[in-house]
Amino acid sequence: MEAPHCKFETVLEILVGKWKPVVLFHLFSNGTMRFSELQKAIPDITKKMLTQQLRELEYHDIVHRKIYHQIPPKVEYSITEHGKGMSTVLQAMNDWGMSHLTHLNELYGEERSVESFEGRLDEVTGN
C-alpha cells in the first residue's frame, strides 16, 4: 500500500498566482458579478489575465460562468457549490495574512514592513 500523497499541490494549482485569491475574494464578498464589475473591483488586473484566471477557476469547478444570450452579451460569474467549500481555507489565509501584517508592523513599524523587507533582501543579495 502506497503512502498517502500530500494534496497541497492540488490546492496550490487552484490558488497559485497573484489574482485568483483576489478574484475569489470579490466573488465570495459580492456574490454574482459581471466581468466588467470584476475588472472595476480589481483595477490592476488586465482583461486577458482576468479572463485566464476565471477560465482556470471555471475548469476546477470553483467558479460558474453563466452566459445570457442577449444583445449586448451578458456574462456573470459566481462561486459554485463545490467552490463554496473553499471559504474556510480563504478565510484562514486572510486571517493569517492580517496577523502577519500586524506582526511585521510591530517589528518594522507601520507602513514600513514591505519596504524593510525589500531593503533587507537587497542587503542579503548585494543589490
N, C-alpha and C. Protein backbone atom coordinates (compact mmCIF):
# COMPACT_ATOMS: atom_id res chain seq x y z
N MET A 1 0.85 -1.19 0.00
CA MET A 1 0.00 0.00 0.00
C MET A 1 0.89 1.25 0.00
N GLU A 2 0.60 2.16 -0.90
CA GLU A 2 1.39 3.39 -1.01
C GLU A 2 1.01 4.37 0.10
N ALA A 3 1.99 5.18 0.47
CA ALA A 3 1.73 6.23 1.46
C ALA A 3 0.85 7.30 0.85
N PRO A 4 -0.04 7.89 1.64
CA PRO A 4 -0.89 8.96 1.09
C PRO A 4 -0.03 10.14 0.63
N HIS A 5 -0.42 10.72 -0.45
CA HIS A 5 0.33 11.84 -1.01
C HIS A 5 -0.20 13.16 -0.47
N CYS A 6 0.69 14.11 -0.38
CA CYS A 6 0.33 15.46 0.03
C CYS A 6 -0.53 16.09 -1.06
N LYS A 7 -1.64 16.66 -0.69
CA LYS A 7 -2.55 17.26 -1.68
C LYS A 7 -2.44 18.78 -1.74
N PHE A 8 -1.38 19.32 -1.11
CA PHE A 8 -1.18 20.77 -1.19
C PHE A 8 -1.03 21.22 -2.64
N GLU A 9 -0.41 20.36 -3.46
CA GLU A 9 -0.21 20.72 -4.87
C GLU A 9 -1.55 20.99 -5.56
N THR A 10 -2.55 20.21 -5.20
CA THR A 10 -3.88 20.39 -5.80
C THR A 10 -4.44 21.76 -5.44
N VAL A 11 -4.35 22.12 -4.18
CA VAL A 11 -4.86 23.41 -3.72
C VAL A 11 -4.04 24.55 -4.33
N LEU A 12 -2.72 24.38 -4.34
CA LEU A 12 -1.87 25.43 -4.89
C LEU A 12 -2.13 25.64 -6.38
N GLU A 13 -2.42 24.56 -7.10
CA GLU A 13 -2.73 24.70 -8.53
C GLU A 13 -3.94 25.61 -8.73
N ILE A 14 -4.88 25.51 -7.84
CA ILE A 14 -6.09 26.33 -7.94
C ILE A 14 -5.83 27.76 -7.49
N LEU A 15 -5.05 27.93 -6.42
CA LEU A 15 -4.88 29.25 -5.81
C LEU A 15 -3.62 30.00 -6.22
N VAL A 16 -2.69 29.32 -6.91
CA VAL A 16 -1.40 29.94 -7.19
C VAL A 16 -1.57 31.20 -8.04
N GLY A 17 -0.73 32.17 -7.77
CA GLY A 17 -0.77 33.40 -8.55
C GLY A 17 -1.30 34.56 -7.74
N LYS A 18 -1.10 35.71 -8.27
CA LYS A 18 -1.47 36.94 -7.58
C LYS A 18 -2.98 37.19 -7.61
N TRP A 19 -3.66 36.74 -8.67
CA TRP A 19 -5.02 37.21 -8.91
C TRP A 19 -6.13 36.27 -8.49
N LYS A 20 -5.91 34.96 -8.52
CA LYS A 20 -7.02 34.05 -8.20
C LYS A 20 -7.60 34.29 -6.82
N PRO A 21 -6.78 34.40 -5.78
CA PRO A 21 -7.38 34.68 -4.47
C PRO A 21 -8.14 36.01 -4.42
N VAL A 22 -7.67 36.99 -5.17
CA VAL A 22 -8.35 38.29 -5.21
C VAL A 22 -9.70 38.15 -5.92
N VAL A 23 -9.71 37.44 -7.03
CA VAL A 23 -10.96 37.19 -7.77
C VAL A 23 -11.94 36.46 -6.86
N LEU A 24 -11.46 35.42 -6.18
CA LEU A 24 -12.32 34.65 -5.29
C LEU A 24 -12.83 35.50 -4.14
N PHE A 25 -11.98 36.35 -3.59
CA PHE A 25 -12.40 37.24 -2.51
C PHE A 25 -13.59 38.08 -2.95
N HIS A 26 -13.51 38.67 -4.15
CA HIS A 26 -14.60 39.52 -4.63
C HIS A 26 -15.86 38.72 -4.90
N LEU A 27 -15.72 37.53 -5.45
CA LEU A 27 -16.91 36.72 -5.72
C LEU A 27 -17.55 36.23 -4.42
N PHE A 28 -16.73 35.85 -3.43
CA PHE A 28 -17.29 35.45 -2.14
C PHE A 28 -17.95 36.64 -1.45
N SER A 29 -17.35 37.81 -1.56
CA SER A 29 -17.88 39.01 -0.88
C SER A 29 -19.13 39.56 -1.54
N ASN A 30 -19.17 39.53 -2.88
CA ASN A 30 -20.24 40.20 -3.63
C ASN A 30 -21.25 39.26 -4.25
N GLY A 31 -20.99 37.98 -4.22
CA GLY A 31 -21.90 37.04 -4.89
C GLY A 31 -21.65 37.08 -6.38
N THR A 32 -22.69 37.05 -7.16
CA THR A 32 -22.60 37.05 -8.61
C THR A 32 -22.11 38.40 -9.11
N MET A 33 -21.13 38.34 -10.04
CA MET A 33 -20.58 39.58 -10.61
C MET A 33 -20.40 39.42 -12.11
N ARG A 34 -20.60 40.51 -12.82
CA ARG A 34 -20.31 40.54 -14.25
C ARG A 34 -18.81 40.76 -14.44
N PHE A 35 -18.32 40.42 -15.64
CA PHE A 35 -16.91 40.57 -15.96
C PHE A 35 -16.46 42.01 -15.71
N SER A 36 -17.25 42.96 -16.18
CA SER A 36 -16.88 44.38 -16.03
C SER A 36 -16.84 44.80 -14.57
N GLU A 37 -17.70 44.23 -13.74
CA GLU A 37 -17.68 44.54 -12.31
C GLU A 37 -16.40 44.02 -11.66
N LEU A 38 -15.98 42.82 -12.08
CA LEU A 38 -14.72 42.28 -11.56
C LEU A 38 -13.55 43.15 -11.99
N GLN A 39 -13.56 43.60 -13.24
CA GLN A 39 -12.49 44.49 -13.72
C GLN A 39 -12.42 45.76 -12.90
N LYS A 40 -13.56 46.35 -12.60
CA LYS A 40 -13.59 47.58 -11.80
C LYS A 40 -13.14 47.32 -10.36
N ALA A 41 -13.48 46.15 -9.84
CA ALA A 41 -13.12 45.80 -8.47
C ALA A 41 -11.62 45.52 -8.33
N ILE A 42 -10.99 45.10 -9.43
CA ILE A 42 -9.56 44.76 -9.44
C ILE A 42 -8.90 45.57 -10.55
N PRO A 43 -8.69 46.86 -10.35
CA PRO A 43 -8.24 47.74 -11.43
C PRO A 43 -6.86 47.40 -12.00
N ASP A 44 -5.99 46.74 -11.24
CA ASP A 44 -4.65 46.45 -11.73
C ASP A 44 -4.56 45.20 -12.61
N ILE A 45 -5.62 44.42 -12.69
CA ILE A 45 -5.58 43.21 -13.49
C ILE A 45 -5.94 43.54 -14.94
N THR A 46 -5.24 42.91 -15.88
CA THR A 46 -5.56 43.12 -17.29
C THR A 46 -6.76 42.25 -17.67
N LYS A 47 -7.43 42.64 -18.74
CA LYS A 47 -8.58 41.88 -19.23
C LYS A 47 -8.17 40.45 -19.56
N LYS A 48 -7.01 40.31 -20.20
CA LYS A 48 -6.51 38.99 -20.58
C LYS A 48 -6.25 38.12 -19.35
N MET A 49 -5.62 38.70 -18.32
CA MET A 49 -5.30 37.94 -17.11
C MET A 49 -6.57 37.57 -16.36
N LEU A 50 -7.53 38.49 -16.28
CA LEU A 50 -8.79 38.18 -15.61
C LEU A 50 -9.50 37.04 -16.33
N THR A 51 -9.53 37.09 -17.64
CA THR A 51 -10.14 36.02 -18.42
C THR A 51 -9.47 34.68 -18.14
N GLN A 52 -8.15 34.69 -18.14
CA GLN A 52 -7.38 33.45 -17.90
C GLN A 52 -7.66 32.90 -16.51
N GLN A 53 -7.65 33.76 -15.50
CA GLN A 53 -7.87 33.31 -14.14
C GLN A 53 -9.28 32.75 -13.97
N LEU A 54 -10.27 33.41 -14.55
CA LEU A 54 -11.64 32.93 -14.47
C LEU A 54 -11.80 31.59 -15.18
N ARG A 55 -11.17 31.42 -16.33
CA ARG A 55 -11.24 30.14 -17.04
C ARG A 55 -10.64 29.00 -16.23
N GLU A 56 -9.51 29.26 -15.58
CA GLU A 56 -8.88 28.23 -14.77
C GLU A 56 -9.75 27.88 -13.57
N LEU A 57 -10.34 28.88 -12.93
CA LEU A 57 -11.24 28.62 -11.81
C LEU A 57 -12.50 27.89 -12.27
N GLU A 58 -12.96 28.21 -13.46
CA GLU A 58 -14.12 27.52 -14.03
C GLU A 58 -13.78 26.06 -14.31
N TYR A 59 -12.60 25.80 -14.84
CA TYR A 59 -12.15 24.43 -15.13
C TYR A 59 -12.17 23.58 -13.86
N HIS A 60 -11.76 24.16 -12.75
CA HIS A 60 -11.70 23.43 -11.48
C HIS A 60 -13.05 23.39 -10.76
N ASP A 61 -14.09 23.91 -11.40
CA ASP A 61 -15.44 23.94 -10.85
C ASP A 61 -15.51 24.75 -9.55
N ILE A 62 -14.73 25.82 -9.50
CA ILE A 62 -14.76 26.73 -8.36
C ILE A 62 -15.67 27.92 -8.70
N VAL A 63 -15.62 28.32 -9.96
CA VAL A 63 -16.41 29.45 -10.44
C VAL A 63 -17.34 28.97 -11.56
N HIS A 64 -18.57 29.47 -11.52
CA HIS A 64 -19.55 29.17 -12.57
C HIS A 64 -19.69 30.38 -13.48
N ARG A 65 -19.72 30.13 -14.76
CA ARG A 65 -19.89 31.18 -15.77
C ARG A 65 -21.25 31.00 -16.42
N LYS A 66 -22.09 32.02 -16.30
CA LYS A 66 -23.42 31.97 -16.89
C LYS A 66 -23.49 32.99 -18.02
N ILE A 67 -23.82 32.51 -19.21
CA ILE A 67 -23.92 33.36 -20.39
C ILE A 67 -25.39 33.62 -20.68
N TYR A 68 -25.72 34.90 -20.82
CA TYR A 68 -27.07 35.30 -21.23
C TYR A 68 -27.01 35.63 -22.72
N HIS A 69 -27.81 34.95 -23.48
CA HIS A 69 -27.81 35.17 -24.93
C HIS A 69 -28.74 36.35 -25.24
N GLN A 70 -28.14 37.51 -25.22
CA GLN A 70 -28.86 38.76 -25.48
C GLN A 70 -27.90 39.74 -26.12
N ILE A 71 -28.42 40.85 -26.54
CA ILE A 71 -27.58 41.90 -27.10
C ILE A 71 -27.76 43.14 -26.24
N PRO A 72 -26.69 43.71 -25.69
CA PRO A 72 -25.32 43.21 -25.73
C PRO A 72 -25.18 41.95 -24.88
N PRO A 73 -24.18 41.11 -25.18
CA PRO A 73 -23.99 39.88 -24.43
C PRO A 73 -23.73 40.16 -22.95
N LYS A 74 -24.18 39.26 -22.11
CA LYS A 74 -24.01 39.41 -20.67
C LYS A 74 -23.48 38.10 -20.11
N VAL A 75 -22.41 38.19 -19.32
CA VAL A 75 -21.81 37.01 -18.68
C VAL A 75 -21.66 37.32 -17.20
N GLU A 76 -22.08 36.39 -16.36
CA GLU A 76 -21.96 36.55 -14.92
C GLU A 76 -21.15 35.40 -14.34
N TYR A 77 -20.42 35.71 -13.27
CA TYR A 77 -19.59 34.72 -12.59
C TYR A 77 -20.03 34.62 -11.14
N SER A 78 -20.01 33.40 -10.62
CA SER A 78 -20.37 33.16 -9.23
C SER A 78 -19.60 31.95 -8.73
N ILE A 79 -19.59 31.76 -7.43
CA ILE A 79 -18.93 30.61 -6.81
C ILE A 79 -19.87 29.41 -6.93
N THR A 80 -19.33 28.27 -7.33
CA THR A 80 -20.13 27.05 -7.42
C THR A 80 -20.35 26.47 -6.02
N GLU A 81 -21.27 25.52 -5.92
CA GLU A 81 -21.48 24.85 -4.64
C GLU A 81 -20.19 24.18 -4.18
N HIS A 82 -19.49 23.54 -5.12
CA HIS A 82 -18.21 22.91 -4.79
C HIS A 82 -17.20 23.96 -4.32
N GLY A 83 -17.15 25.08 -5.00
CA GLY A 83 -16.22 26.15 -4.65
C GLY A 83 -16.48 26.77 -3.29
N LYS A 84 -17.73 26.74 -2.84
CA LYS A 84 -18.07 27.33 -1.54
C LYS A 84 -17.31 26.63 -0.41
N GLY A 85 -16.87 25.40 -0.65
CA GLY A 85 -16.08 24.69 0.35
C GLY A 85 -14.73 25.33 0.61
N MET A 86 -14.29 26.20 -0.30
CA MET A 86 -13.01 26.89 -0.12
C MET A 86 -13.10 28.08 0.82
N SER A 87 -14.29 28.47 1.21
CA SER A 87 -14.44 29.70 2.00
C SER A 87 -13.64 29.63 3.30
N THR A 88 -13.63 28.49 3.97
CA THR A 88 -12.89 28.40 5.24
C THR A 88 -11.39 28.48 5.00
N VAL A 89 -10.92 27.91 3.90
CA VAL A 89 -9.49 27.98 3.56
C VAL A 89 -9.10 29.43 3.28
N LEU A 90 -9.88 30.11 2.46
CA LEU A 90 -9.59 31.50 2.11
C LEU A 90 -9.69 32.41 3.33
N GLN A 91 -10.66 32.15 4.20
CA GLN A 91 -10.80 32.97 5.41
C GLN A 91 -9.60 32.76 6.32
N ALA A 92 -9.15 31.52 6.45
CA ALA A 92 -7.97 31.24 7.28
C ALA A 92 -6.73 31.93 6.70
N MET A 93 -6.57 31.90 5.39
CA MET A 93 -5.44 32.57 4.75
C MET A 93 -5.52 34.07 5.00
N ASN A 94 -6.70 34.65 4.86
CA ASN A 94 -6.88 36.09 5.08
C ASN A 94 -6.57 36.45 6.54
N ASP A 95 -7.07 35.65 7.47
CA ASP A 95 -6.84 35.93 8.89
C ASP A 95 -5.35 35.86 9.20
N TRP A 96 -4.66 34.85 8.68
CA TRP A 96 -3.23 34.74 8.93
C TRP A 96 -2.48 35.90 8.28
N GLY A 97 -2.89 36.30 7.08
CA GLY A 97 -2.26 37.43 6.40
C GLY A 97 -2.39 38.71 7.21
N MET A 98 -3.56 38.95 7.77
CA MET A 98 -3.77 40.15 8.61
C MET A 98 -2.89 40.07 9.86
N SER A 99 -2.83 38.90 10.47
CA SER A 99 -1.99 38.71 11.65
C SER A 99 -0.52 38.91 11.30
N HIS A 100 -0.11 38.45 10.15
CA HIS A 100 1.28 38.59 9.71
C HIS A 100 1.63 40.06 9.47
N LEU A 101 0.72 40.80 8.85
CA LEU A 101 0.96 42.23 8.65
C LEU A 101 1.10 42.96 9.98
N THR A 102 0.26 42.61 10.93
CA THR A 102 0.36 43.20 12.27
C THR A 102 1.73 42.89 12.87
N HIS A 103 2.14 41.64 12.73
CA HIS A 103 3.45 41.22 13.24
C HIS A 103 4.57 42.01 12.58
N LEU A 104 4.54 42.14 11.25
CA LEU A 104 5.58 42.90 10.55
C LEU A 104 5.57 44.37 10.96
N ASN A 105 4.38 44.92 11.15
CA ASN A 105 4.28 46.32 11.59
C ASN A 105 4.88 46.50 12.98
N GLU A 106 4.69 45.51 13.85
CA GLU A 106 5.29 45.57 15.18
C GLU A 106 6.81 45.49 15.09
N LEU A 107 7.32 44.67 14.17
CA LEU A 107 8.76 44.51 14.00
C LEU A 107 9.42 45.72 13.35
N TYR A 108 8.79 46.23 12.29
CA TYR A 108 9.45 47.24 11.45
C TYR A 108 8.77 48.59 11.45
N GLY A 109 7.62 48.69 12.06
CA GLY A 109 6.88 49.95 12.04
C GLY A 109 5.82 49.92 10.95
N GLU A 110 4.71 50.56 11.23
CA GLU A 110 3.60 50.58 10.29
C GLU A 110 4.02 51.19 8.96
N GLU A 111 3.52 50.63 7.87
CA GLU A 111 3.78 51.10 6.51
C GLU A 111 5.23 50.87 6.06
N ARG A 112 6.06 50.26 6.90
CA ARG A 112 7.45 50.03 6.53
C ARG A 112 7.75 48.53 6.40
N SER A 113 6.77 47.68 6.68
CA SER A 113 7.04 46.25 6.72
C SER A 113 7.55 45.74 5.38
N VAL A 114 6.93 46.08 4.28
CA VAL A 114 7.37 45.62 2.97
C VAL A 114 8.65 46.33 2.57
N GLU A 115 8.70 47.63 2.82
CA GLU A 115 9.90 48.41 2.49
C GLU A 115 11.11 47.87 3.24
N SER A 116 10.94 47.53 4.50
CA SER A 116 12.04 46.99 5.30
C SER A 116 12.48 45.64 4.75
N PHE A 117 11.53 44.81 4.38
CA PHE A 117 11.87 43.51 3.82
C PHE A 117 12.66 43.67 2.53
N GLU A 118 12.20 44.56 1.65
CA GLU A 118 12.92 44.76 0.38
C GLU A 118 14.32 45.28 0.63
N GLY A 119 14.49 46.17 1.61
CA GLY A 119 15.82 46.68 1.94
C GLY A 119 16.72 45.58 2.45
N ARG A 120 16.20 44.74 3.32
CA ARG A 120 16.99 43.62 3.84
C ARG A 120 17.31 42.62 2.74
N LEU A 121 16.36 42.39 1.85
CA LEU A 121 16.61 41.49 0.73
C LEU A 121 17.74 42.02 -0.15
N ASP A 122 17.74 43.32 -0.40
CA ASP A 122 18.83 43.92 -1.18
C ASP A 122 20.16 43.74 -0.49
N GLU A 123 20.18 43.90 0.85
CA GLU A 123 21.43 43.71 1.59
C GLU A 123 21.95 42.27 1.45
N VAL A 124 21.03 41.31 1.57
CA VAL A 124 21.40 39.90 1.50
C VAL A 124 21.89 39.53 0.10
N THR A 125 21.20 40.04 -0.92
CA THR A 125 21.55 39.67 -2.29
C THR A 125 22.66 40.54 -2.87
N GLY A 126 23.00 41.62 -2.18
CA GLY A 126 24.05 42.50 -2.66
C GLY A 126 23.62 43.45 -3.75
N ASN A 127 22.33 43.65 -3.93
CA ASN A 127 21.81 44.58 -4.96
C ASN A 127 21.71 45.99 -4.44
